[in-house]
All heavy atoms as atom14 arrays in JSON, in Angstrom:
{
  "sequence": "TVDVILAWLAAEDRGAKKRTIELLAQRDESLKDIRKTLIDQLEGIEVS",
  "atom14_mask": [
    [1, 1, 1, 1, 1, 1, 1, 0, 0, 0, 0, 0, 0, 0],
    [1, 1, 1, 1, 1, 1, 1, 0, 0, 0, 0, 0, 0, 0],
    [1, 1, 1, 1, 1, 1, 1, 1, 0, 0, 0, 0, 0, 0],
    [1, 1, 1, 1, 1, 1, 1, 0, 0, 0, 0, 0, 0, 0],
    [1, 1, 1, 1, 1, 1, 1, 1, 0, 0, 0, 0, 0, 0],
    [1, 1, 1, 1, 1, 1, 1, 1, 0, 0, 0, 0, 0, 0],
    [1, 1, 1, 1, 1, 0, 0, 0, 0, 0, 0, 0, 0, 0],
    [1, 1, 1, 1, 1, 1, 1, 1, 1, 1, 1, 1, 1, 1],
    [1, 1, 1, 1, 1, 1, 1, 1, 0, 0, 0, 0, 0, 0],
    [1, 1, 1, 1, 1, 0, 0, 0, 0, 0, 0, 0, 0, 0],
    [1, 1, 1, 1, 1, 0, 0, 0, 0, 0, 0, 0, 0, 0],
    [1, 1, 1, 1, 1, 1, 1, 1, 1, 0, 0, 0, 0, 0],
    [1, 1, 1, 1, 1, 1, 1, 1, 0, 0, 0, 0, 0, 0],
    [1, 1, 1, 1, 1, 1, 1, 1, 1, 1, 1, 0, 0, 0],
    [1, 1, 1, 1, 0, 0, 0, 0, 0, 0, 0, 0, 0, 0],
    [1, 1, 1, 1, 1, 0, 0, 0, 0, 0, 0, 0, 0, 0],
    [1, 1, 1, 1, 1, 1, 1, 1, 1, 0, 0, 0, 0, 0],
    [1, 1, 1, 1, 1, 1, 1, 1, 1, 0, 0, 0, 0, 0],
    [1, 1, 1, 1, 1, 1, 1, 1, 1, 1, 1, 0, 0, 0],
    [1, 1, 1, 1, 1, 1, 1, 0, 0, 0, 0, 0, 0, 0],
    [1, 1, 1, 1, 1, 1, 1, 1, 0, 0, 0, 0, 0, 0],
    [1, 1, 1, 1, 1, 1, 1, 1, 1, 0, 0, 0, 0, 0],
    [1, 1, 1, 1, 1, 1, 1, 1, 0, 0, 0, 0, 0, 0],
    [1, 1, 1, 1, 1, 1, 1, 1, 0, 0, 0, 0, 0, 0],
    [1, 1, 1, 1, 1, 0, 0, 0, 0, 0, 0, 0, 0, 0],
    [1, 1, 1, 1, 1, 1, 1, 1, 1, 0, 0, 0, 0, 0],
    [1, 1, 1, 1, 1, 1, 1, 1, 1, 1, 1, 0, 0, 0],
    [1, 1, 1, 1, 1, 1, 1, 1, 0, 0, 0, 0, 0, 0],
    [1, 1, 1, 1, 1, 1, 1, 1, 1, 0, 0, 0, 0, 0],
    [1, 1, 1, 1, 1, 1, 0, 0, 0, 0, 0, 0, 0, 0],
    [1, 1, 1, 1, 1, 1, 1, 1, 0, 0, 0, 0, 0, 0],
    [1, 1, 1, 1, 1, 1, 1, 1, 1, 0, 0, 0, 0, 0],
    [1, 1, 1, 1, 1, 1, 1, 1, 0, 0, 0, 0, 0, 0],
    [1, 1, 1, 1, 1, 1, 1, 1, 0, 0, 0, 0, 0, 0],
    [1, 1, 1, 1, 1, 1, 1, 1, 1, 1, 1, 0, 0, 0],
    [1, 1, 1, 1, 1, 1, 1, 1, 1, 0, 0, 0, 0, 0],
    [1, 1, 1, 1, 1, 1, 1, 0, 0, 0, 0, 0, 0, 0],
    [1, 1, 1, 1, 1, 1, 1, 1, 0, 0, 0, 0, 0, 0],
    [1, 1, 1, 1, 1, 1, 1, 1, 0, 0, 0, 0, 0, 0],
    [1, 1, 1, 1, 1, 1, 1, 1, 0, 0, 0, 0, 0, 0],
    [1, 1, 1, 1, 1, 1, 1, 1, 1, 0, 0, 0, 0, 0],
    [1, 1, 1, 1, 1, 1, 1, 1, 0, 0, 0, 0, 0, 0],
    [1, 1, 1, 1, 1, 1, 1, 1, 1, 0, 0, 0, 0, 0],
    [1, 1, 1, 1, 0, 0, 0, 0, 0, 0, 0, 0, 0, 0],
    [1, 1, 1, 1, 1, 1, 1, 1, 0, 0, 0, 0, 0, 0],
    [1, 1, 1, 1, 1, 1, 1, 1, 1, 0, 0, 0, 0, 0],
    [1, 1, 1, 1, 1, 1, 1, 0, 0, 0, 0, 0, 0, 0],
    [1, 1, 1, 1, 1, 1, 0, 0, 0, 0, 0, 0, 0, 0]
  ],
  "atom14_positions": [
    [[55.74, 78.23, 72.01], [55.52, 76.83, 71.8], [55.5, 76.43, 70.28], [56.18, 75.46, 69.85], [54.2, 76.38, 72.43], [54.31, 76.8, 73.82], [54.05, 74.84, 72.32], [0.0, 0.0, 0.0], [0.0, 0.0, 0.0], [0.0, 0.0, 0.0], [0.0, 0.0, 0.0], [0.0, 0.0, 0.0], [0.0, 0.0, 0.0], [0.0, 0.0, 0.0]],
    [[54.8, 77.17, 69.47], [54.72, 76.95, 68.07], [56.22, 77.07, 67.42], [56.47, 76.36, 66.58], [53.77, 77.95, 67.38], [53.99, 77.95, 65.84], [52.36, 77.57, 67.71], [0.0, 0.0, 0.0], [0.0, 0.0, 0.0], [0.0, 0.0, 0.0], [0.0, 0.0, 0.0], [0.0, 0.0, 0.0], [0.0, 0.0, 0.0], [0.0, 0.0, 0.0]],
    [[56.93, 78.09, 67.91], [58.19, 78.2, 67.31], [59.08, 77.01, 67.79], [60.12, 76.84, 66.99], [58.71, 79.65, 67.73], [58.26, 80.71, 66.93], [57.46, 80.48, 65.94], [58.64, 81.89, 67.06], [0.0, 0.0, 0.0], [0.0, 0.0, 0.0], [0.0, 0.0, 0.0], [0.0, 0.0, 0.0], [0.0, 0.0, 0.0], [0.0, 0.0, 0.0]],
    [[59.04, 76.49, 68.9], [59.84, 75.28, 69.26], [59.47, 74.21, 68.29], [60.4, 73.43, 67.81], [59.61, 74.93, 70.8], [60.07, 73.59, 71.0], [60.27, 75.98, 71.71], [0.0, 0.0, 0.0], [0.0, 0.0, 0.0], [0.0, 0.0, 0.0], [0.0, 0.0, 0.0], [0.0, 0.0, 0.0], [0.0, 0.0, 0.0], [0.0, 0.0, 0.0]],
    [[58.17, 74.04, 68.08], [57.78, 72.99, 67.05], [58.24, 73.24, 65.76], [58.92, 72.32, 65.1], [56.21, 72.94, 67.06], [55.65, 72.42, 68.38], [55.77, 72.01, 65.88], [54.12, 72.67, 68.63], [0.0, 0.0, 0.0], [0.0, 0.0, 0.0], [0.0, 0.0, 0.0], [0.0, 0.0, 0.0], [0.0, 0.0, 0.0], [0.0, 0.0, 0.0]],
    [[58.18, 74.44, 65.18], [58.79, 74.75, 63.87], [60.29, 74.57, 63.82], [60.84, 74.1, 62.86], [58.34, 76.13, 63.58], [56.92, 76.49, 63.13], [56.72, 77.94, 63.09], [56.53, 75.77, 61.87], [0.0, 0.0, 0.0], [0.0, 0.0, 0.0], [0.0, 0.0, 0.0], [0.0, 0.0, 0.0], [0.0, 0.0, 0.0], [0.0, 0.0, 0.0]],
    [[61.02, 74.87, 64.9], [62.51, 74.8, 65.04], [62.83, 73.29, 64.93], [63.65, 72.84, 64.1], [62.99, 75.37, 66.2], [0.0, 0.0, 0.0], [0.0, 0.0, 0.0], [0.0, 0.0, 0.0], [0.0, 0.0, 0.0], [0.0, 0.0, 0.0], [0.0, 0.0, 0.0], [0.0, 0.0, 0.0], [0.0, 0.0, 0.0], [0.0, 0.0, 0.0]],
    [[62.08, 72.37, 65.63], [62.22, 70.9, 65.66], [61.93, 70.39, 64.28], [62.76, 69.7, 63.66], [61.35, 70.22, 66.69], [61.93, 70.06, 67.98], [61.42, 70.65, 69.1], [63.02, 69.37, 68.43], [62.21, 70.31, 70.2], [63.23, 69.57, 69.81], [63.99, 68.57, 67.65], [64.31, 68.93, 70.5], [65.02, 68.11, 68.33], [65.2, 68.19, 69.77]],
    [[60.96, 70.84, 63.57], [60.66, 70.48, 62.21], [61.67, 70.82, 61.23], [62.17, 69.97, 60.47], [59.23, 70.93, 61.8], [58.0, 70.33, 62.52], [56.8, 71.24, 62.07], [57.82, 68.89, 62.08], [0.0, 0.0, 0.0], [0.0, 0.0, 0.0], [0.0, 0.0, 0.0], [0.0, 0.0, 0.0], [0.0, 0.0, 0.0], [0.0, 0.0, 0.0]],
    [[62.11, 72.03, 61.44], [63.14, 72.53, 60.46], [64.53, 71.83, 60.71], [65.28, 71.51, 59.8], [63.42, 73.95, 60.69], [0.0, 0.0, 0.0], [0.0, 0.0, 0.0], [0.0, 0.0, 0.0], [0.0, 0.0, 0.0], [0.0, 0.0, 0.0], [0.0, 0.0, 0.0], [0.0, 0.0, 0.0], [0.0, 0.0, 0.0], [0.0, 0.0, 0.0]],
    [[64.71, 71.49, 62.02], [66.15, 70.84, 62.37], [66.06, 69.36, 61.84], [67.13, 68.82, 61.53], [66.32, 70.82, 63.79], [0.0, 0.0, 0.0], [0.0, 0.0, 0.0], [0.0, 0.0, 0.0], [0.0, 0.0, 0.0], [0.0, 0.0, 0.0], [0.0, 0.0, 0.0], [0.0, 0.0, 0.0], [0.0, 0.0, 0.0], [0.0, 0.0, 0.0]],
    [[64.89, 68.72, 61.94], [64.84, 67.28, 61.66], [64.5, 66.9, 60.17], [64.72, 65.84, 59.81], [63.66, 66.64, 62.56], [64.09, 66.76, 64.08], [65.21, 65.82, 64.49], [65.32, 64.73, 63.8], [66.0, 66.22, 65.27], [0.0, 0.0, 0.0], [0.0, 0.0, 0.0], [0.0, 0.0, 0.0], [0.0, 0.0, 0.0], [0.0, 0.0, 0.0]],
    [[63.92, 67.88, 59.38], [63.37, 67.5, 58.04], [63.72, 68.58, 57.13], [63.24, 69.78, 57.22], [61.91, 67.37, 58.22], [61.2, 66.87, 56.92], [61.74, 67.21, 55.89], [60.22, 66.15, 56.97], [0.0, 0.0, 0.0], [0.0, 0.0, 0.0], [0.0, 0.0, 0.0], [0.0, 0.0, 0.0], [0.0, 0.0, 0.0], [0.0, 0.0, 0.0]],
    [[64.61, 68.35, 56.14], [64.92, 69.27, 55.19], [63.71, 69.89, 54.43], [63.79, 71.09, 54.14], [65.97, 68.78, 54.2], [67.43, 68.66, 54.73], [68.42, 68.34, 53.73], [69.7, 68.15, 54.34], [70.73, 67.52, 53.83], [70.52, 66.73, 52.75], [71.75, 67.42, 54.36], [0.0, 0.0, 0.0], [0.0, 0.0, 0.0], [0.0, 0.0, 0.0]],
    [[62.84, 69.0, 54.03], [61.69, 69.5, 53.26], [60.79, 70.38, 54.18], [60.29, 71.42, 53.64], [0.0, 0.0, 0.0], [0.0, 0.0, 0.0], [0.0, 0.0, 0.0], [0.0, 0.0, 0.0], [0.0, 0.0, 0.0], [0.0, 0.0, 0.0], [0.0, 0.0, 0.0], [0.0, 0.0, 0.0], [0.0, 0.0, 0.0], [0.0, 0.0, 0.0]],
    [[60.69, 70.16, 55.38], [59.86, 70.97, 56.34], [60.75, 72.18, 56.5], [59.93, 73.36, 56.56], [59.66, 70.27, 57.64], [0.0, 0.0, 0.0], [0.0, 0.0, 0.0], [0.0, 0.0, 0.0], [0.0, 0.0, 0.0], [0.0, 0.0, 0.0], [0.0, 0.0, 0.0], [0.0, 0.0, 0.0], [0.0, 0.0, 0.0], [0.0, 0.0, 0.0]],
    [[61.94, 72.26, 56.57], [62.65, 73.49, 56.81], [62.52, 74.36, 55.53], [62.3, 75.59, 55.7], [64.12, 73.17, 56.97], [65.06, 74.43, 57.17], [66.46, 74.07, 57.45], [67.36, 75.29, 57.74], [68.67, 74.97, 58.13], [0.0, 0.0, 0.0], [0.0, 0.0, 0.0], [0.0, 0.0, 0.0], [0.0, 0.0, 0.0], [0.0, 0.0, 0.0]],
    [[62.59, 73.63, 54.28], [62.51, 74.48, 53.04], [61.18, 75.12, 53.02], [60.93, 76.29, 52.68], [62.72, 73.65, 51.86], [62.67, 74.34, 50.55], [62.76, 73.38, 49.46], [62.62, 74.11, 48.14], [62.61, 73.17, 47.05], [0.0, 0.0, 0.0], [0.0, 0.0, 0.0], [0.0, 0.0, 0.0], [0.0, 0.0, 0.0], [0.0, 0.0, 0.0]],
    [[60.04, 74.4, 53.33], [58.75, 74.88, 53.27], [58.48, 75.9, 54.3], [57.87, 76.95, 54.03], [57.66, 73.65, 53.59], [56.29, 74.09, 53.48], [55.96, 74.26, 52.0], [54.53, 74.54, 51.88], [53.95, 75.54, 51.15], [54.72, 76.26, 50.39], [52.62, 75.67, 51.21], [0.0, 0.0, 0.0], [0.0, 0.0, 0.0], [0.0, 0.0, 0.0]],
    [[59.02, 75.78, 55.45], [58.97, 76.78, 56.54], [59.64, 78.1, 56.1], [58.91, 79.22, 56.22], [59.52, 76.27, 57.9], [58.98, 75.03, 58.31], [59.63, 77.25, 58.95], [0.0, 0.0, 0.0], [0.0, 0.0, 0.0], [0.0, 0.0, 0.0], [0.0, 0.0, 0.0], [0.0, 0.0, 0.0], [0.0, 0.0, 0.0], [0.0, 0.0, 0.0]],
    [[60.77, 78.01, 55.54], [61.47, 79.14, 55.05], [60.62, 79.9, 53.9], [60.59, 81.14, 54.02], [62.87, 78.89, 54.54], [63.77, 78.42, 55.63], [63.44, 80.02, 53.69], [65.02, 77.73, 55.23], [0.0, 0.0, 0.0], [0.0, 0.0, 0.0], [0.0, 0.0, 0.0], [0.0, 0.0, 0.0], [0.0, 0.0, 0.0], [0.0, 0.0, 0.0]],
    [[60.03, 79.09, 53.04], [59.27, 79.8, 52.02], [57.96, 80.43, 52.49], [57.66, 81.61, 52.28], [58.7, 78.6, 51.09], [59.83, 78.09, 50.1], [59.4, 76.81, 49.38], [58.2, 76.3, 49.65], [60.19, 76.24, 48.68], [0.0, 0.0, 0.0], [0.0, 0.0, 0.0], [0.0, 0.0, 0.0], [0.0, 0.0, 0.0], [0.0, 0.0, 0.0]],
    [[57.35, 79.88, 53.51], [56.09, 80.41, 54.07], [56.36, 81.72, 54.88], [55.62, 82.53, 54.91], [55.3, 79.22, 54.89], [54.68, 78.2, 53.97], [54.09, 77.18, 54.94], [53.57, 78.72, 53.06], [0.0, 0.0, 0.0], [0.0, 0.0, 0.0], [0.0, 0.0, 0.0], [0.0, 0.0, 0.0], [0.0, 0.0, 0.0], [0.0, 0.0, 0.0]],
    [[57.49, 81.57, 55.7], [57.95, 82.73, 56.49], [58.23, 83.83, 55.57], [57.86, 84.99, 55.84], [59.1, 82.4, 57.35], [58.87, 81.51, 58.6], [60.22, 81.04, 59.25], [58.07, 82.35, 59.67], [0.0, 0.0, 0.0], [0.0, 0.0, 0.0], [0.0, 0.0, 0.0], [0.0, 0.0, 0.0], [0.0, 0.0, 0.0], [0.0, 0.0, 0.0]],
    [[58.86, 83.56, 54.52], [59.27, 84.67, 53.52], [58.07, 85.37, 52.97], [58.18, 86.54, 52.66], [60.1, 84.15, 52.36], [0.0, 0.0, 0.0], [0.0, 0.0, 0.0], [0.0, 0.0, 0.0], [0.0, 0.0, 0.0], [0.0, 0.0, 0.0], [0.0, 0.0, 0.0], [0.0, 0.0, 0.0], [0.0, 0.0, 0.0], [0.0, 0.0, 0.0]],
    [[56.95, 84.71, 52.84], [55.63, 85.37, 52.31], [55.28, 86.49, 53.27], [54.57, 87.35, 52.85], [54.54, 84.41, 52.19], [54.75, 83.38, 51.07], [53.74, 82.25, 51.1], [52.73, 82.33, 51.81], [53.93, 81.37, 50.16], [0.0, 0.0, 0.0], [0.0, 0.0, 0.0], [0.0, 0.0, 0.0], [0.0, 0.0, 0.0], [0.0, 0.0, 0.0]],
    [[55.66, 86.52, 54.5], [55.34, 87.43, 55.47], [56.52, 88.35, 55.91], [56.6, 88.87, 56.92], [54.67, 86.87, 56.73], [53.27, 86.29, 56.34], [52.66, 85.71, 57.58], [52.57, 86.61, 58.64], [51.51, 87.33, 59.06], [50.42, 87.13, 58.43], [51.48, 88.14, 60.1], [0.0, 0.0, 0.0], [0.0, 0.0, 0.0], [0.0, 0.0, 0.0]],
    [[57.53, 88.27, 55.06], [58.82, 89.01, 55.32], [59.37, 88.67, 56.59], [59.91, 89.51, 57.42], [58.59, 90.56, 55.29], [58.34, 90.98, 53.79], [58.82, 90.48, 52.99], [57.51, 92.09, 53.73], [0.0, 0.0, 0.0], [0.0, 0.0, 0.0], [0.0, 0.0, 0.0], [0.0, 0.0, 0.0], [0.0, 0.0, 0.0], [0.0, 0.0, 0.0]],
    [[59.31, 87.27, 56.91], [59.97, 86.76, 58.05], [60.96, 85.74, 57.73], [60.95, 85.39, 56.48], [58.82, 86.18, 59.06], [57.92, 87.14, 59.64], [56.88, 86.54, 60.48], [56.36, 85.45, 60.1], [56.6, 87.03, 61.52], [0.0, 0.0, 0.0], [0.0, 0.0, 0.0], [0.0, 0.0, 0.0], [0.0, 0.0, 0.0], [0.0, 0.0, 0.0]],
    [[61.72, 85.22, 58.66], [62.64, 84.12, 58.38], [62.85, 83.28, 59.54], [62.3, 83.56, 60.67], [64.06, 84.76, 57.94], [64.68, 85.5, 58.97], [0.0, 0.0, 0.0], [0.0, 0.0, 0.0], [0.0, 0.0, 0.0], [0.0, 0.0, 0.0], [0.0, 0.0, 0.0], [0.0, 0.0, 0.0], [0.0, 0.0, 0.0], [0.0, 0.0, 0.0]],
    [[63.77, 82.28, 59.46], [64.11, 81.49, 60.6], [64.61, 82.35, 61.76], [64.62, 81.97, 62.9], [65.06, 80.39, 60.16], [64.53, 79.28, 59.37], [65.61, 78.24, 59.06], [63.34, 78.64, 60.08], [0.0, 0.0, 0.0], [0.0, 0.0, 0.0], [0.0, 0.0, 0.0], [0.0, 0.0, 0.0], [0.0, 0.0, 0.0], [0.0, 0.0, 0.0]],
    [[65.21, 83.53, 61.42], [65.77, 84.45, 62.48], [64.7, 84.79, 63.42], [64.89, 85.05, 64.58], [66.41, 85.58, 61.85], [67.77, 85.32, 61.07], [68.31, 86.52, 60.41], [69.52, 86.15, 59.69], [70.25, 87.24, 58.98], [0.0, 0.0, 0.0], [0.0, 0.0, 0.0], [0.0, 0.0, 0.0], [0.0, 0.0, 0.0], [0.0, 0.0, 0.0]],
    [[63.46, 84.97, 62.93], [62.39, 85.35, 63.69], [62.02, 84.26, 64.71], [61.66, 84.57, 65.9], [61.08, 85.81, 62.93], [61.39, 87.02, 62.08], [61.4, 88.03, 62.71], [61.4, 86.82, 60.89], [0.0, 0.0, 0.0], [0.0, 0.0, 0.0], [0.0, 0.0, 0.0], [0.0, 0.0, 0.0], [0.0, 0.0, 0.0], [0.0, 0.0, 0.0]],
    [[61.96, 83.01, 64.23], [61.85, 81.9, 65.26], [63.01, 81.8, 66.17], [62.68, 81.68, 67.4], [61.7, 80.53, 64.38], [60.34, 80.61, 63.51], [61.87, 79.38, 65.31], [60.17, 79.55, 62.59], [0.0, 0.0, 0.0], [0.0, 0.0, 0.0], [0.0, 0.0, 0.0], [0.0, 0.0, 0.0], [0.0, 0.0, 0.0], [0.0, 0.0, 0.0]],
    [[64.24, 81.98, 65.68], [65.35, 82.03, 66.51], [65.28, 83.11, 67.69], [65.52, 82.8, 68.86], [66.6, 82.22, 65.7], [67.89, 81.93, 66.43], [69.01, 82.06, 65.42], [70.18, 81.43, 65.9], [71.15, 82.19, 66.59], [71.01, 83.46, 66.68], [72.27, 81.53, 67.01], [0.0, 0.0, 0.0], [0.0, 0.0, 0.0], [0.0, 0.0, 0.0]],
    [[64.85, 84.2, 67.25], [64.6, 85.43, 68.26], [63.62, 84.98, 69.36], [63.89, 85.16, 70.6], [64.16, 86.59, 67.46], [63.97, 87.78, 68.4], [63.47, 89.0, 67.63], [63.3, 90.16, 68.47], [62.06, 90.1, 69.17], [0.0, 0.0, 0.0], [0.0, 0.0, 0.0], [0.0, 0.0, 0.0], [0.0, 0.0, 0.0], [0.0, 0.0, 0.0]],
    [[62.53, 84.32, 69.04], [61.51, 83.85, 69.93], [62.25, 82.88, 70.95], [62.04, 82.83, 72.18], [60.28, 83.24, 69.26], [59.76, 84.24, 68.4], [59.26, 82.81, 70.21], [0.0, 0.0, 0.0], [0.0, 0.0, 0.0], [0.0, 0.0, 0.0], [0.0, 0.0, 0.0], [0.0, 0.0, 0.0], [0.0, 0.0, 0.0], [0.0, 0.0, 0.0]],
    [[62.94, 81.84, 70.32], [63.65, 80.9, 71.19], [64.76, 81.53, 72.15], [64.71, 81.15, 73.38], [64.3, 79.82, 70.31], [63.45, 78.99, 69.42], [64.3, 78.1, 68.53], [62.38, 78.31, 70.12], [0.0, 0.0, 0.0], [0.0, 0.0, 0.0], [0.0, 0.0, 0.0], [0.0, 0.0, 0.0], [0.0, 0.0, 0.0], [0.0, 0.0, 0.0]],
    [[65.41, 82.52, 71.71], [66.34, 83.3, 72.55], [65.58, 84.06, 73.69], [66.06, 83.87, 74.78], [67.24, 84.24, 71.67], [68.15, 83.33, 70.8], [68.02, 85.08, 72.56], [68.95, 84.13, 69.78], [0.0, 0.0, 0.0], [0.0, 0.0, 0.0], [0.0, 0.0, 0.0], [0.0, 0.0, 0.0], [0.0, 0.0, 0.0], [0.0, 0.0, 0.0]],
    [[64.47, 84.58, 73.33], [63.73, 85.29, 74.28], [63.19, 84.35, 75.32], [63.23, 84.59, 76.56], [62.59, 85.95, 73.56], [61.66, 86.87, 74.56], [62.27, 87.55, 75.36], [60.42, 86.75, 74.45], [0.0, 0.0, 0.0], [0.0, 0.0, 0.0], [0.0, 0.0, 0.0], [0.0, 0.0, 0.0], [0.0, 0.0, 0.0], [0.0, 0.0, 0.0]],
    [[62.7, 83.18, 74.86], [62.36, 82.15, 75.83], [63.41, 81.57, 76.76], [63.18, 81.51, 77.94], [61.66, 80.94, 75.18], [61.08, 79.91, 75.92], [60.43, 78.78, 75.3], [60.39, 78.79, 74.07], [59.88, 77.84, 75.84], [0.0, 0.0, 0.0], [0.0, 0.0, 0.0], [0.0, 0.0, 0.0], [0.0, 0.0, 0.0], [0.0, 0.0, 0.0]],
    [[64.6, 81.5, 76.12], [65.72, 80.93, 76.9], [66.22, 81.99, 77.98], [66.44, 81.56, 79.1], [67.03, 80.74, 75.89], [68.27, 80.24, 76.52], [68.09, 78.94, 77.22], [69.31, 80.18, 75.46], [0.0, 0.0, 0.0], [0.0, 0.0, 0.0], [0.0, 0.0, 0.0], [0.0, 0.0, 0.0], [0.0, 0.0, 0.0], [0.0, 0.0, 0.0]],
    [[66.18, 83.24, 77.56], [66.5, 84.34, 78.57], [65.69, 84.42, 79.61], [65.94, 84.93, 80.8], [66.76, 85.63, 77.78], [67.92, 85.71, 76.88], [67.95, 86.85, 75.98], [66.86, 87.74, 75.94], [69.01, 87.13, 75.35], [0.0, 0.0, 0.0], [0.0, 0.0, 0.0], [0.0, 0.0, 0.0], [0.0, 0.0, 0.0], [0.0, 0.0, 0.0]],
    [[64.37, 83.95, 79.47], [63.4, 84.06, 80.57], [63.38, 82.85, 81.58], [62.58, 82.91, 82.61], [0.0, 0.0, 0.0], [0.0, 0.0, 0.0], [0.0, 0.0, 0.0], [0.0, 0.0, 0.0], [0.0, 0.0, 0.0], [0.0, 0.0, 0.0], [0.0, 0.0, 0.0], [0.0, 0.0, 0.0], [0.0, 0.0, 0.0], [0.0, 0.0, 0.0]],
    [[64.23, 81.95, 81.23], [64.28, 80.71, 82.14], [65.2, 80.93, 83.35], [66.29, 81.36, 83.33], [64.75, 79.45, 81.32], [63.8, 79.12, 80.36], [64.94, 78.3, 82.4], [64.28, 78.06, 79.33], [0.0, 0.0, 0.0], [0.0, 0.0, 0.0], [0.0, 0.0, 0.0], [0.0, 0.0, 0.0], [0.0, 0.0, 0.0], [0.0, 0.0, 0.0]],
    [[64.63, 80.69, 84.51], [65.5, 80.69, 85.73], [65.88, 79.3, 86.05], [65.02, 78.37, 86.41], [64.66, 81.31, 86.89], [64.32, 82.78, 86.73], [63.64, 83.4, 87.89], [63.91, 82.94, 88.98], [63.12, 84.33, 87.68], [0.0, 0.0, 0.0], [0.0, 0.0, 0.0], [0.0, 0.0, 0.0], [0.0, 0.0, 0.0], [0.0, 0.0, 0.0]],
    [[67.07, 79.05, 85.73], [67.62, 77.6, 85.93], [67.79, 77.36, 87.5], [68.58, 77.88, 88.07], [69.02, 77.36, 85.2], [69.57, 76.02, 85.46], [68.93, 77.65, 83.81], [0.0, 0.0, 0.0], [0.0, 0.0, 0.0], [0.0, 0.0, 0.0], [0.0, 0.0, 0.0], [0.0, 0.0, 0.0], [0.0, 0.0, 0.0], [0.0, 0.0, 0.0]],
    [[66.76, 76.59, 87.95], [66.71, 76.3, 89.34], [66.5, 74.75, 89.59], [66.79, 74.31, 90.73], [65.69, 77.03, 90.11], [64.42, 76.81, 89.44], [0.0, 0.0, 0.0], [0.0, 0.0, 0.0], [0.0, 0.0, 0.0], [0.0, 0.0, 0.0], [0.0, 0.0, 0.0], [0.0, 0.0, 0.0], [0.0, 0.0, 0.0], [0.0, 0.0, 0.0]]
  ]
}
């Protein structure tokens, strides 16, 4: 849920995206980590 929120913020606001990238980098993470969570969530959905 948090990663969906962060992805929306990054997609909608350049300043938020820049700040998100900076803060993720402090923990040796990147937007790829958020993307991975979203992909994992997508793979778990049963489209019914």
